[in-house]
């Protein structure tokens, strides 16, 4: 599929992403968390992302397998892990306000 600047949020496709996460909820929450990290730190796990906005870059990272979204029973929402260092992660604190905004 050829990419053009008018594609917007059509890349990556929702079908490809849900096939990876097996849940739209996990996809939305995990992508939002990763996008916040990208906005805060400014670094990405992929080179030359097609998207310019953090949310699109986060989706591309999930599709590329650079970010894994997994469940934990002790947390209120899915956790975003980087496959390069799956043991080196901090559990993000989710305030009630943040959780309501998701």
C-alpha atoms as a PDB file:
ATOM      1  CA  UNK A   1       0.000   0.000   0.000  1.00  0.00           C
ATOM      2  CA  UNK A   2       1.413   3.330  -1.007  1.00  0.00           C
ATOM      3  CA  UNK A   3       1.477   5.987   1.668  1.00  0.00           C
ATOM      4  CA  UNK A   4       0.626   9.605   1.044  1.00  0.00           C
ATOM      5  CA  UNK A   5       0.362  12.579   3.347  1.00  0.00           C
ATOM      6  CA  UNK A   6      -3.439  12.540   3.174  1.00  0.00           C
ATOM      7  CA  UNK A   7      -3.686   9.077   4.760  1.00  0.00           C
ATOM      8  CA  UNK A   8      -3.897  10.554   8.263  1.00  0.00           C
ATOM      9  CA  UNK A   9      -4.924   7.934  10.819  1.00  0.00           C
ATOM     10  CA  UNK A  10      -5.473   5.218   8.198  1.00  0.00           C
ATOM     11  CA  UNK A  11      -1.947   3.932   8.850  1.00  0.00           C
ATOM     12  CA  UNK A  12      -1.535   1.682  10.664  1.00  0.00           C
ATOM     13  CA  UNK A  13      -4.955   0.139  10.206  1.00  0.00           C
ATOM     14  CA  UNK A  14      -7.127  -0.705  13.180  1.00  0.00           C
ATOM     15  CA  UNK A  15      -7.493  -4.287  11.939  1.00  0.00           C
ATOM     16  CA  UNK A  16      -3.727  -4.858  12.005  1.00  0.00           C
ATOM     17  CA  UNK A  17      -3.425  -3.349  15.483  1.00  0.00           C
ATOM     18  CA  UNK A  18      -6.348  -5.235  17.054  1.00  0.00           C
ATOM     19  CA  UNK A  19      -4.907  -8.465  15.643  1.00  0.00           C
ATOM     20  CA  UNK A  20      -1.806  -7.741  17.744  1.00  0.00           C
ATOM     21  CA  UNK A  21      -3.479  -6.587  20.985  1.00  0.00           C
ATOM     22  CA  UNK A  22      -6.640  -8.736  20.721  1.00  0.00           C
ATOM     23  CA  UNK A  23      -8.589  -5.906  22.373  1.00  0.00           C
ATOM     24  CA  UNK A  24      -9.566  -2.405  21.316  1.00  0.00           C
ATOM     25  CA  UNK A  25      -9.558  -1.349  24.965  1.00  0.00           C
ATOM     26  CA  UNK A  26      -5.963  -2.494  25.494  1.00  0.00           C
ATOM     27  CA  UNK A  27      -4.973  -0.839  22.219  1.00  0.00           C
ATOM     28  CA  UNK A  28      -6.502   2.519  23.162  1.00  0.00           C
ATOM     29  CA  UNK A  29      -5.176   2.620  26.727  1.00  0.00           C
ATOM     30  CA  UNK A  30      -1.721   1.301  25.832  1.00  0.00           C
ATOM     31  CA  UNK A  31      -1.381   3.665  22.875  1.00  0.00           C
ATOM     32  CA  UNK A  32      -2.408   6.653  25.004  1.00  0.00           C
ATOM     33  CA  UNK A  33       0.186   5.758  27.645  1.00  0.00           C
ATOM     34  CA  UNK A  34       2.937   5.340  25.059  1.00  0.00           C
ATOM     35  CA  UNK A  35       1.946   8.613  23.349  1.00  0.00           C
ATOM     36  CA  UNK A  36       2.270  10.434  26.685  1.00  0.00           C
ATOM     37  CA  UNK A  37       5.767   9.006  27.087  1.00  0.00           C
ATOM     38  CA  UNK A  38       6.697  10.114  23.551  1.00  0.00           C
ATOM     39  CA  UNK A  39       5.365  13.621  24.236  1.00  0.00           C
ATOM     40  CA  UNK A  40       7.213  13.830  27.550  1.00  0.00           C
ATOM     41  CA  UNK A  41      10.558  12.322  26.516  1.00  0.00           C
ATOM     42  CA  UNK A  42      10.541  13.084  22.793  1.00  0.00           C
ATOM     43  CA  UNK A  43      12.195   9.830  21.721  1.00  0.00           C
ATOM     44  CA  UNK A  44      10.728   7.078  19.597  1.00  0.00           C
ATOM     45  CA  UNK A  45      11.571   3.404  19.198  1.00  0.00           C
ATOM     46  CA  UNK A  46      11.305   3.482  15.403  1.00  0.00           C
ATOM     47  CA  UNK A  47      13.288   5.496  12.909  1.00  0.00           C
ATOM     48  CA  UNK A  48      11.484   7.628  10.350  1.00  0.00           C
ATOM     49  CA  UNK A  49       7.888   7.219  11.536  1.00  0.00           C
ATOM     50  CA  UNK A  50       5.222   8.029   8.941  1.00  0.00           C
ATOM     51  CA  UNK A  51       3.083   9.862  11.474  1.00  0.00           C
ATOM     52  CA  UNK A  52       4.068  13.160  13.013  1.00  0.00           C
ATOM     53  CA  UNK A  53       1.821  13.080  16.078  1.00  0.00           C
ATOM     54  CA  UNK A  54       2.703  11.046  19.157  1.00  0.00           C
ATOM     55  CA  UNK A  55      -0.469   8.946  18.980  1.00  0.00           C
ATOM     56  CA  UNK A  56       0.290   7.850  15.417  1.00  0.00           C
ATOM     57  CA  UNK A  57       3.926   7.132  16.277  1.00  0.00           C
ATOM     58  CA  UNK A  58       2.808   5.015  19.242  1.00  0.00           C
ATOM     59  CA  UNK A  59       0.527   3.005  16.943  1.00  0.00           C
ATOM     60  CA  UNK A  60       3.395   2.473  14.496  1.00  0.00           C
ATOM     61  CA  UNK A  61       5.615   1.267  17.348  1.00  0.00           C
ATOM     62  CA  UNK A  62       2.976  -1.277  18.375  1.00  0.00           C
ATOM     63  CA  UNK A  63       2.623  -2.501  14.789  1.00  0.00           C
ATOM     64  CA  UNK A  64       6.424  -2.819  14.460  1.00  0.00           C
ATOM     65  CA  UNK A  65       6.589  -4.878  17.659  1.00  0.00           C
ATOM     66  CA  UNK A  66       8.689  -2.261  19.448  1.00  0.00           C
ATOM     67  CA  UNK A  67       6.019  -1.797  22.119  1.00  0.00           C
ATOM     68  CA  UNK A  68       4.081  -4.618  23.745  1.00  0.00           C
ATOM     69  CA  UNK A  69       0.828  -4.028  25.587  1.00  0.00           C
ATOM     70  CA  UNK A  70       0.152  -6.596  28.283  1.00  0.00           C
ATOM     71  CA  UNK A  71      -2.356  -7.195  31.058  1.00  0.00           C
ATOM     72  CA  UNK A  72      -1.563  -7.270  34.720  1.00  0.00           C
ATOM     73  CA  UNK A  73      -4.124  -8.238  37.312  1.00  0.00           C
ATOM     74  CA  UNK A  74      -2.777  -5.831  39.923  1.00  0.00           C
ATOM     75  CA  UNK A  75      -3.098  -2.686  37.809  1.00  0.00           C
ATOM     76  CA  UNK A  76      -6.176  -0.757  36.714  1.00  0.00           C
ATOM     77  CA  UNK A  77      -5.116  -0.670  33.044  1.00  0.00           C
ATOM     78  CA  UNK A  78      -2.773  -2.350  30.543  1.00  0.00           C
ATOM     79  CA  UNK A  79       0.967  -1.712  30.868  1.00  0.00           C
ATOM     80  CA  UNK A  80       3.212  -0.662  28.002  1.00  0.00           C
ATOM     81  CA  UNK A  81       6.532  -2.512  27.817  1.00  0.00           C
ATOM     82  CA  UNK A  82       9.468  -2.085  25.514  1.00  0.00           C
ATOM     83  CA  UNK A  83      10.613  -5.501  24.257  1.00  0.00           C
ATOM     84  CA  UNK A  84      14.261  -4.416  24.369  1.00  0.00           C
ATOM     85  CA  UNK A  85      14.174  -4.205  28.181  1.00  0.00           C
ATOM     86  CA  UNK A  86      11.004  -5.920  29.421  1.00  0.00           C
ATOM     87  CA  UNK A  87      12.353  -6.156  32.968  1.00  0.00           C
ATOM     88  CA  UNK A  88      13.366  -2.498  33.139  1.00  0.00           C
ATOM     89  CA  UNK A  89      10.067  -0.735  33.406  1.00  0.00           C
ATOM     90  CA  UNK A  90       8.319   1.300  36.000  1.00  0.00           C
ATOM     91  CA  UNK A  91       4.661   0.699  36.626  1.00  0.00           C
ATOM     92  CA  UNK A  92       2.936   3.926  35.605  1.00  0.00           C
ATOM     93  CA  UNK A  93       0.785   5.472  38.277  1.00  0.00           C
ATOM     94  CA  UNK A  94      -2.696   6.168  36.977  1.00  0.00           C
ATOM     95  CA  UNK A  95      -4.536   8.868  38.829  1.00  0.00           C
ATOM     96  CA  UNK A  96      -8.309   8.798  38.936  1.00  0.00           C
ATOM     97  CA  UNK A  97      -8.410  11.896  36.724  1.00  0.00           C
ATOM     98  CA  UNK A  98      -6.201  10.321  34.062  1.00  0.00           C
ATOM     99  CA  UNK A  99      -8.169   7.087  34.124  1.00  0.00           C
ATOM    100  CA  UNK A 100     -11.460   8.963  33.676  1.00  0.00           C
ATOM    101  CA  UNK A 101     -10.045  10.861  30.678  1.00  0.00           C
ATOM    102  CA  UNK A 102      -9.220   7.650  28.806  1.00  0.00           C
END
